[in-house]
């Protein structure tokens, strides 16, 4: 049997965890290591995941997120033994503590901007854009890292993506931001923003959608969340997931 991991959270010694059914109805149990607890199920080592498994994985994380700060594990993350899980936690205590402190009381919101590349002007946001972006230069996101681009884009598309990403940050003012830009079928530009905000700002963030849509013309704007902080995790739990390629592709489509 393998140890399948859903998410990591902090529980006091006196706090019980309710019985849950995880992937394919397998019981979810808490594995405690000091103040940290990993929610897990026991699965066969050659267990065959299905698209439904992705949904069930997310449901467990979502239920935990309703009452606790969680660090989600990637879908398909398994361990050979409980000892391996404990070792992961013990070797990364300081990084995990920093992550829980940084993410406590915060949630992730997703903002997607879809723009046809044949539109000459996506609308001019009322706030002026930085001159550095007008030239299509890269700018670091909230974590100090450059925004990743999934596929090559021409200079004009890259400039539009940069402008939209910076406009979104100035409009919604997240604490941190992760941005992905890519071309879809070679005719539409997708700017996918993950914003980390305080829980108390969720309603205000959602209300900004109408105002934002009015400021960026010719652009399909979609907002979803609040979600667990999938894009703002410490490197210690960004483990490679043993997810079959077909399911990875389906998961990527479902996340769009």
C-alpha atoms as a PDB file:
ATOM      1  CA  UNK A   1       0.000   0.000   0.000  1.00  0.00           C
ATOM      2  CA  UNK A   2       1.089   3.570  -0.687  1.00  0.00           C
ATOM      3  CA  UNK A   3       0.372   6.666   1.409  1.00  0.00           C
ATOM      4  CA  UNK A   4      -1.597   9.141  -0.701  1.00  0.00           C
ATOM      5  CA  UNK A   5      -1.404  12.780   0.464  1.00  0.00           C
ATOM      6  CA  UNK A   6      -4.104  15.459   0.151  1.00  0.00           C
ATOM      7  CA  UNK A   7      -2.892  18.421   2.184  1.00  0.00           C
ATOM      8  CA  UNK A   8      -0.950  19.563   5.223  1.00  0.00           C
ATOM      9  CA  UNK A   9      -2.494  21.561   8.071  1.00  0.00           C
ATOM     10  CA  UNK A  10      -1.892  22.388  11.710  1.00  0.00           C
ATOM     11  CA  UNK A  11      -3.924  20.689  14.455  1.00  0.00           C
ATOM     12  CA  UNK A  12      -3.560  20.939  18.188  1.00  0.00           C
ATOM     13  CA  UNK A  13      -3.052  17.733  20.152  1.00  0.00           C
ATOM     14  CA  UNK A  14      -6.614  17.969  21.492  1.00  0.00           C
ATOM     15  CA  UNK A  15      -8.281  18.594  18.131  1.00  0.00           C
ATOM     16  CA  UNK A  16      -9.918  15.590  16.469  1.00  0.00           C
ATOM     17  CA  UNK A  17     -10.397  15.251  12.745  1.00  0.00           C
ATOM     18  CA  UNK A  18     -13.757  14.068  11.346  1.00  0.00           C
ATOM     19  CA  UNK A  19     -14.066  10.895   9.318  1.00  0.00           C
ATOM     20  CA  UNK A  20     -13.995  11.619   5.562  1.00  0.00           C
ATOM     21  CA  UNK A  21     -14.158   9.577   2.387  1.00  0.00           C
ATOM     22  CA  UNK A  22     -11.433  10.438  -0.109  1.00  0.00           C
ATOM     23  CA  UNK A  23     -10.479   9.083  -3.511  1.00  0.00           C
ATOM     24  CA  UNK A  24     -12.781   6.247  -4.560  1.00  0.00           C
ATOM     25  CA  UNK A  25     -14.282   6.162  -1.063  1.00  0.00           C
ATOM     26  CA  UNK A  26     -11.001   5.366   0.703  1.00  0.00           C
ATOM     27  CA  UNK A  27     -10.993   6.672   4.305  1.00  0.00           C
ATOM     28  CA  UNK A  28      -9.005   9.839   4.966  1.00  0.00           C
ATOM     29  CA  UNK A  29      -6.921   9.744   8.126  1.00  0.00           C
ATOM     30  CA  UNK A  30      -4.707  12.358   9.823  1.00  0.00           C
ATOM     31  CA  UNK A  31      -1.027  11.572  10.219  1.00  0.00           C
ATOM     32  CA  UNK A  32       0.292  13.809  13.007  1.00  0.00           C
ATOM     33  CA  UNK A  33       3.834  15.030  13.400  1.00  0.00           C
ATOM     34  CA  UNK A  34       4.007  17.548  16.221  1.00  0.00           C
ATOM     35  CA  UNK A  35       1.767  20.497  15.343  1.00  0.00           C
ATOM     36  CA  UNK A  36       1.532  19.426  11.704  1.00  0.00           C
ATOM     37  CA  UNK A  37      -0.952  16.954  10.258  1.00  0.00           C
ATOM     38  CA  UNK A  38      -1.046  15.399   6.799  1.00  0.00           C
ATOM     39  CA  UNK A  39      -4.431  14.195   5.532  1.00  0.00           C
ATOM     40  CA  UNK A  40      -3.887  10.881   3.755  1.00  0.00           C
ATOM     41  CA  UNK A  41      -5.452   7.707   2.374  1.00  0.00           C
ATOM     42  CA  UNK A  42      -4.000   4.257   1.831  1.00  0.00           C
ATOM     43  CA  UNK A  43      -4.101   3.267  -1.843  1.00  0.00           C
ATOM     44  CA  UNK A  44      -2.650   0.382  -3.804  1.00  0.00           C
ATOM     45  CA  UNK A  45       0.747   1.260  -5.209  1.00  0.00           C
ATOM     46  CA  UNK A  46      -0.573   0.690  -8.742  1.00  0.00           C
ATOM     47  CA  UNK A  47      -3.863   2.454  -8.157  1.00  0.00           C
ATOM     48  CA  UNK A  48      -5.361   3.726 -11.422  1.00  0.00           C
ATOM     49  CA  UNK A  49      -6.566   7.291 -11.061  1.00  0.00           C
ATOM     50  CA  UNK A  50      -9.577   8.562 -13.006  1.00  0.00           C
ATOM     51  CA  UNK A  51     -10.785  12.084 -13.817  1.00  0.00           C
ATOM     52  CA  UNK A  52     -13.140  11.681 -10.842  1.00  0.00           C
ATOM     53  CA  UNK A  53     -10.070  11.217  -8.625  1.00  0.00           C
ATOM     54  CA  UNK A  54      -9.010  14.796  -9.401  1.00  0.00           C
ATOM     55  CA  UNK A  55     -12.357  16.095  -8.177  1.00  0.00           C
ATOM     56  CA  UNK A  56     -12.258  13.955  -5.025  1.00  0.00           C
ATOM     57  CA  UNK A  57      -8.722  15.121  -4.249  1.00  0.00           C
ATOM     58  CA  UNK A  58      -9.841  18.747  -4.487  1.00  0.00           C
ATOM     59  CA  UNK A  59     -12.937  18.118  -2.367  1.00  0.00           C
ATOM     60  CA  UNK A  60     -10.871  16.920   0.592  1.00  0.00           C
ATOM     61  CA  UNK A  61      -8.621  19.966   0.350  1.00  0.00           C
ATOM     62  CA  UNK A  62     -11.653  22.241   0.039  1.00  0.00           C
ATOM     63  CA  UNK A  63     -13.326  20.798   3.157  1.00  0.00           C
ATOM     64  CA  UNK A  64     -10.137  21.238   5.171  1.00  0.00           C
ATOM     65  CA  UNK A  65      -9.768  24.795   3.839  1.00  0.00           C
ATOM     66  CA  UNK A  66     -13.202  25.710   5.229  1.00  0.00           C
ATOM     67  CA  UNK A  67     -11.867  25.633   8.787  1.00  0.00           C
ATOM     68  CA  UNK A  68      -8.051  25.591   8.588  1.00  0.00           C
ATOM     69  CA  UNK A  69      -5.082  27.050   6.773  1.00  0.00           C
ATOM     70  CA  UNK A  70      -3.957  24.313   4.389  1.00  0.00           C
ATOM     71  CA  UNK A  71      -0.974  23.591   2.178  1.00  0.00           C
ATOM     72  CA  UNK A  72      -2.407  21.512  -0.705  1.00  0.00           C
ATOM     73  CA  UNK A  73      -0.384  18.623  -2.082  1.00  0.00           C
ATOM     74  CA  UNK A  74      -0.302  18.130  -5.830  1.00  0.00           C
ATOM     75  CA  UNK A  75      -2.761  15.599  -7.220  1.00  0.00           C
ATOM     76  CA  UNK A  76      -1.086  12.200  -7.428  1.00  0.00           C
ATOM     77  CA  UNK A  77       1.464  12.781  -4.639  1.00  0.00           C
ATOM     78  CA  UNK A  78       2.202   9.513  -2.826  1.00  0.00           C
ATOM     79  CA  UNK A  79       4.729   8.328  -0.239  1.00  0.00           C
ATOM     80  CA  UNK A  80       6.168   4.894   0.321  1.00  0.00           C
ATOM     81  CA  UNK A  81       5.603   5.015   4.083  1.00  0.00           C
ATOM     82  CA  UNK A  82       4.414   7.175   6.966  1.00  0.00           C
ATOM     83  CA  UNK A  83       8.052   7.545   7.977  1.00  0.00           C
ATOM     84  CA  UNK A  84       8.763   9.330   4.696  1.00  0.00           C
ATOM     85  CA  UNK A  85       5.980  11.839   5.417  1.00  0.00           C
ATOM     86  CA  UNK A  86       7.291  12.512   8.913  1.00  0.00           C
ATOM     87  CA  UNK A  87      10.786  12.993   7.497  1.00  0.00           C
ATOM     88  CA  UNK A  88       9.478  15.559   4.991  1.00  0.00           C
ATOM     89  CA  UNK A  89       7.837  17.550   7.778  1.00  0.00           C
ATOM     90  CA  UNK A  90      10.768  17.372  10.177  1.00  0.00           C
ATOM     91  CA  UNK A  91      13.322  18.424   7.564  1.00  0.00           C
ATOM     92  CA  UNK A  92      11.274  21.474   6.505  1.00  0.00           C
ATOM     93  CA  UNK A  93       9.833  22.748   9.787  1.00  0.00           C
ATOM     94  CA  UNK A  94      11.081  26.319   9.421  1.00  0.00           C
ATOM     95  CA  UNK A  95       9.854  26.693   5.844  1.00  0.00           C
ATOM     96  CA  UNK A  96       6.476  25.161   6.709  1.00  0.00           C
ATOM     97  CA  UNK A  97       6.063  27.448   9.726  1.00  0.00           C
ATOM     98  CA  UNK A  98       6.823  30.503   7.560  1.00  0.00           C
ATOM     99  CA  UNK A  99       4.284  29.328   4.974  1.00  0.00           C
ATOM    100  CA  UNK A 100       1.506  28.786   7.517  1.00  0.00           C
ATOM    101  CA  UNK A 101       2.135  32.203   9.065  1.00  0.00           C
ATOM    102  CA  UNK A 102       2.120  33.867   5.635  1.00  0.00           C
ATOM    103  CA  UNK A 103      -1.043  32.110   4.423  1.00  0.00           C
ATOM    104  CA  UNK A 104      -3.127  32.218   7.602  1.00  0.00           C
ATOM    105  CA  UNK A 105      -6.394  34.073   7.010  1.00  0.00           C
ATOM    106  CA  UNK A 106      -5.747  34.312   3.267  1.00  0.00           C
ATOM    107  CA  UNK A 107      -7.187  32.761   0.135  1.00  0.00           C
ATOM    108  CA  UNK A 108      -6.406  32.484  -3.550  1.00  0.00           C
ATOM    109  CA  UNK A 109      -8.561  34.125  -6.207  1.00  0.00           C
ATOM    110  CA  UNK A 110      -8.272  33.349  -9.904  1.00  0.00           C
ATOM    111  CA  UNK A 111      -8.635  35.993 -12.588  1.00  0.00           C
ATOM    112  CA  UNK A 112      -8.653  34.967 -16.255  1.00  0.00           C
ATOM    113  CA  UNK A 113      -8.456  37.487 -19.095  1.00  0.00           C
ATOM    114  CA  UNK A 114      -9.081  36.150 -22.608  1.00  0.00           C
ATOM    115  CA  UNK A 115      -8.322  38.496 -25.480  1.00  0.00           C
ATOM    116  CA  UNK A 116      -8.591  37.879 -29.251  1.00  0.00           C
ATOM    117  CA  UNK A 117      -5.208  38.723 -30.739  1.00  0.00           C
ATOM    118  CA  UNK A 118      -6.812  40.460 -33.727  1.00  0.00           C
ATOM    119  CA  UNK A 119      -8.159  43.173 -31.410  1.00  0.00           C
ATOM    120  CA  UNK A 120      -5.994  46.208 -31.942  1.00  0.00           C
ATOM    121  CA  UNK A 121      -6.697  47.747 -28.547  1.00  0.00           C
ATOM    122  CA  UNK A 122      -7.991  45.722 -25.582  1.00  0.00           C
ATOM    123  CA  UNK A 123      -9.419  48.864 -24.051  1.00  0.00           C
ATOM    124  CA  UNK A 124      -7.502  51.389 -22.053  1.00  0.00           C
ATOM    125  CA  UNK A 125      -7.705  50.905 -18.303  1.00  0.00           C
ATOM    126  CA  UNK A 126      -8.369  54.204 -16.598  1.00  0.00           C
ATOM    127  CA  UNK A 127      -5.096  53.960 -14.751  1.00  0.00           C
ATOM    128  CA  UNK A 128      -2.045  54.566 -16.875  1.00  0.00           C
ATOM    129  CA  UNK A 129       0.332  51.665 -17.386  1.00  0.00           C
ATOM    130  CA  UNK A 130       4.037  51.834 -16.469  1.00  0.00           C
ATOM    131  CA  UNK A 131       6.278  52.956 -19.311  1.00  0.00           C
ATOM    132  CA  UNK A 132       8.515  49.912 -18.774  1.00  0.00           C
ATOM    133  CA  UNK A 133       5.637  47.654 -19.806  1.00  0.00           C
ATOM    134  CA  UNK A 134       4.662  49.727 -22.808  1.00  0.00           C
ATOM    135  CA  UNK A 135       7.893  48.467 -24.334  1.00  0.00           C
ATOM    136  CA  UNK A 136       6.999  44.862 -23.519  1.00  0.00           C
ATOM    137  CA  UNK A 137       9.629  44.402 -20.815  1.00  0.00           C
ATOM    138  CA  UNK A 138       9.282  41.657 -18.170  1.00  0.00           C
ATOM    139  CA  UNK A 139       8.427  42.655 -14.646  1.00  0.00           C
ATOM    140  CA  UNK A 140       8.696  40.518 -11.501  1.00  0.00           C
ATOM    141  CA  UNK A 141       5.525  39.301  -9.808  1.00  0.00           C
ATOM    142  CA  UNK A 142       4.696  39.514  -6.107  1.00  0.00           C
ATOM    143  CA  UNK A 143       7.280  36.841  -5.276  1.00  0.00           C
ATOM    144  CA  UNK A 144      10.068  38.563  -7.170  1.00  0.00           C
ATOM    145  CA  UNK A 145      10.077  36.038 -10.024  1.00  0.00           C
ATOM    146  CA  UNK A 146       9.434  36.791 -13.667  1.00  0.00           C
ATOM    147  CA  UNK A 147       6.058  35.782 -15.093  1.00  0.00           C
ATOM    148  CA  UNK A 148       6.264  32.459 -16.945  1.00  0.00           C
ATOM    149  CA  UNK A 149       5.056  32.195 -20.527  1.00  0.00           C
ATOM    150  CA  UNK A 150       3.829  28.743 -21.610  1.00  0.00           C
ATOM    151  CA  UNK A 151       4.328  29.217 -25.343  1.00  0.00           C
ATOM    152  CA  UNK A 152       6.247  31.617 -27.584  1.00  0.00           C
ATOM    153  CA  UNK A 153       4.327  34.819 -28.319  1.00  0.00           C
ATOM    154  CA  UNK A 154       5.025  37.636 -30.698  1.00  0.00           C
ATOM    155  CA  UNK A 155       6.135  40.972 -29.288  1.00  0.00           C
ATOM    156  CA  UNK A 156       2.694  42.569 -29.538  1.00  0.00           C
ATOM    157  CA  UNK A 157       0.956  39.700 -27.702  1.00  0.00           C
ATOM    158  CA  UNK A 158       3.607  39.714 -24.992  1.00  0.00           C
ATOM    159  CA  UNK A 159       3.168  43.455 -24.538  1.00  0.00           C
ATOM    160  CA  UNK A 160      -0.606  43.064 -24.208  1.00  0.00           C
ATOM    161  CA  UNK A 161      -0.166  40.252 -21.688  1.00  0.00           C
ATOM    162  CA  UNK A 162       2.224  42.329 -19.613  1.00  0.00           C
ATOM    163  CA  UNK A 163      -0.099  45.317 -19.674  1.00  0.00           C
ATOM    164  CA  UNK A 164      -3.114  43.264 -18.614  1.00  0.00           C
ATOM    165  CA  UNK A 165      -1.195  41.535 -15.809  1.00  0.00           C
ATOM    166  CA  UNK A 166       0.058  44.809 -14.354  1.00  0.00           C
ATOM    167  CA  UNK A 167      -3.366  46.426 -14.740  1.00  0.00           C
ATOM    168  CA  UNK A 168      -4.933  43.483 -12.868  1.00  0.00           C
ATOM    169  CA  UNK A 169      -2.462  43.882 -10.023  1.00  0.00           C
ATOM    170  CA  UNK A 170      -3.137  47.609  -9.729  1.00  0.00           C
ATOM    171  CA  UNK A 171      -6.895  47.050  -9.947  1.00  0.00           C
ATOM    172  CA  UNK A 172      -7.261  44.182  -7.453  1.00  0.00           C
ATOM    173  CA  UNK A 173      -4.187  44.896  -5.300  1.00  0.00           C
ATOM    174  CA  UNK A 174      -3.370  41.329  -4.187  1.00  0.00           C
ATOM    175  CA  UNK A 175      -0.802  40.579  -1.508  1.00  0.00           C
ATOM    176  CA  UNK A 176       0.999  38.299  -3.960  1.00  0.00           C
ATOM    177  CA  UNK A 177       0.484  37.446  -7.602  1.00  0.00           C
ATOM    178  CA  UNK A 178       1.364  34.598  -9.944  1.00  0.00           C
ATOM    179  CA  UNK A 179       0.721  35.080 -13.672  1.00  0.00           C
ATOM    180  CA  UNK A 180       0.730  32.725 -16.649  1.00  0.00           C
ATOM    181  CA  UNK A 181       0.385  33.930 -20.241  1.00  0.00           C
ATOM    182  CA  UNK A 182      -0.226  31.685 -23.219  1.00  0.00           C
ATOM    183  CA  UNK A 183      -1.735  31.567 -26.676  1.00  0.00           C
ATOM    184  CA  UNK A 184      -4.846  29.438 -27.263  1.00  0.00           C
ATOM    185  CA  UNK A 185      -5.190  27.934 -30.739  1.00  0.00           C
ATOM    186  CA  UNK A 186      -2.934  30.721 -31.979  1.00  0.00           C
ATOM    187  CA  UNK A 187      -5.779  33.267 -32.005  1.00  0.00           C
ATOM    188  CA  UNK A 188      -6.534  34.143 -28.385  1.00  0.00           C
ATOM    189  CA  UNK A 189      -4.310  35.381 -25.601  1.00  0.00           C
ATOM    190  CA  UNK A 190      -4.994  34.046 -22.089  1.00  0.00           C
ATOM    191  CA  UNK A 191      -3.645  35.899 -19.055  1.00  0.00           C
ATOM    192  CA  UNK A 192      -4.247  33.701 -16.009  1.00  0.00           C
ATOM    193  CA  UNK A 193      -3.678  35.465 -12.673  1.00  0.00           C
ATOM    194  CA  UNK A 194      -3.600  33.847  -9.242  1.00  0.00           C
ATOM    195  CA  UNK A 195      -4.003  36.470  -6.518  1.00  0.00           C
ATOM    196  CA  UNK A 196      -3.411  35.932  -2.811  1.00  0.00           C
ATOM    197  CA  UNK A 197      -5.731  38.106  -0.735  1.00  0.00           C
ATOM    198  CA  UNK A 198      -7.035  38.321   2.826  1.00  0.00           C
ATOM    199  CA  UNK A 199     -10.231  36.350   3.482  1.00  0.00           C
ATOM    200  CA  UNK A 200     -12.052  39.492   4.564  1.00  0.00           C
ATOM    201  CA  UNK A 201     -11.443  40.994   1.105  1.00  0.00           C
ATOM    202  CA  UNK A 202     -13.065  38.168  -0.893  1.00  0.00           C
ATOM    203  CA  UNK A 203     -16.438  39.886  -1.254  1.00  0.00           C
ATOM    204  CA  UNK A 204     -14.811  43.187  -2.265  1.00  0.00           C
ATOM    205  CA  UNK A 205     -12.611  41.389  -4.793  1.00  0.00           C
ATOM    206  CA  UNK A 206     -15.638  39.718  -6.374  1.00  0.00           C
ATOM    207  CA  UNK A 207     -17.507  43.032  -6.592  1.00  0.00           C
ATOM    208  CA  UNK A 208     -14.647  44.544  -8.604  1.00  0.00           C
ATOM    209  CA  UNK A 209     -15.471  42.258 -11.528  1.00  0.00           C
ATOM    210  CA  UNK A 210     -18.089  44.570 -13.062  1.00  0.00           C
ATOM    211  CA  UNK A 211     -15.877  47.638 -12.745  1.00  0.00           C
ATOM    212  CA  UNK A 212     -12.931  45.720 -14.188  1.00  0.00           C
ATOM    213  CA  UNK A 213     -14.964  44.459 -17.143  1.00  0.00           C
ATOM    214  CA  UNK A 214     -15.995  48.017 -17.962  1.00  0.00           C
ATOM    215  CA  UNK A 215     -12.397  49.210 -17.970  1.00  0.00           C
ATOM    216  CA  UNK A 216     -10.952  46.501 -20.230  1.00  0.00           C
ATOM    217  CA  UNK A 217     -13.003  46.368 -23.405  1.00  0.00           C
ATOM    218  CA  UNK A 218     -12.945  43.459 -25.842  1.00  0.00           C
ATOM    219  CA  UNK A 219     -11.680  41.097 -23.136  1.00  0.00           C
ATOM    220  CA  UNK A 220     -13.497  38.109 -21.602  1.00  0.00           C
ATOM    221  CA  UNK A 221     -12.921  38.467 -17.840  1.00  0.00           C
ATOM    222  CA  UNK A 222     -13.678  35.657 -15.381  1.00  0.00           C
ATOM    223  CA  UNK A 223     -13.183  35.447 -11.613  1.00  0.00           C
ATOM    224  CA  UNK A 224     -13.330  32.350  -9.416  1.00  0.00           C
ATOM    225  CA  UNK A 225     -12.574  31.525  -5.793  1.00  0.00           C
ATOM    226  CA  UNK A 226     -11.840  31.649  -2.979  1.00  0.00           C
ATOM    227  CA  UNK A 227      -9.525  28.656  -3.347  1.00  0.00           C
ATOM    228  CA  UNK A 228      -6.846  27.105  -1.159  1.00  0.00           C
ATOM    229  CA  UNK A 229      -3.442  28.693  -1.934  1.00  0.00           C
ATOM    230  CA  UNK A 230      -2.399  26.279  -4.694  1.00  0.00           C
ATOM    231  CA  UNK A 231      -0.004  28.785  -6.296  1.00  0.00           C
ATOM    232  CA  UNK A 232       1.655  30.113  -3.140  1.00  0.00           C
ATOM    233  CA  UNK A 233       3.209  27.041  -1.538  1.00  0.00           C
ATOM    234  CA  UNK A 234       6.681  26.468  -0.098  1.00  0.00           C
ATOM    235  CA  UNK A 235       9.057  24.545  -2.344  1.00  0.00           C
ATOM    236  CA  UNK A 236       9.333  21.743   0.229  1.00  0.00           C
ATOM    237  CA  UNK A 237       5.876  20.391  -0.657  1.00  0.00           C
ATOM    238  CA  UNK A 238       5.948  20.989  -4.406  1.00  0.00           C
ATOM    239  CA  UNK A 239       6.671  17.337  -4.918  1.00  0.00           C
ATOM    240  CA  UNK A 240       6.571  15.603  -8.312  1.00  0.00           C
ATOM    241  CA  UNK A 241       3.198  13.927  -8.706  1.00  0.00           C
ATOM    242  CA  UNK A 242       2.909  10.455 -10.230  1.00  0.00           C
ATOM    243  CA  UNK A 243      -0.023  11.513 -12.366  1.00  0.00           C
ATOM    244  CA  UNK A 244      -0.584   9.740 -15.711  1.00  0.00           C
ATOM    245  CA  UNK A 245      -0.042  12.104 -18.676  1.00  0.00           C
ATOM    246  CA  UNK A 246      -3.665  11.793 -19.864  1.00  0.00           C
ATOM    247  CA  UNK A 247      -4.996  12.806 -16.443  1.00  0.00           C
ATOM    248  CA  UNK A 248      -2.523  15.675 -16.227  1.00  0.00           C
ATOM    249  CA  UNK A 249      -3.871  16.990 -19.508  1.00  0.00           C
ATOM    250  CA  UNK A 250      -7.480  16.631 -18.354  1.00  0.00           C
ATOM    251  CA  UNK A 251      -6.662  18.351 -15.079  1.00  0.00           C
ATOM    252  CA  UNK A 252      -5.103  21.252 -16.960  1.00  0.00           C
ATOM    253  CA  UNK A 253      -8.219  21.615 -19.109  1.00  0.00           C
ATOM    254  CA  UNK A 254     -10.474  21.501 -16.031  1.00  0.00           C
ATOM    255  CA  UNK A 255      -8.420  24.253 -14.386  1.00  0.00           C
ATOM    256  CA  UNK A 256      -8.901  26.672 -17.271  1.00  0.00           C
END
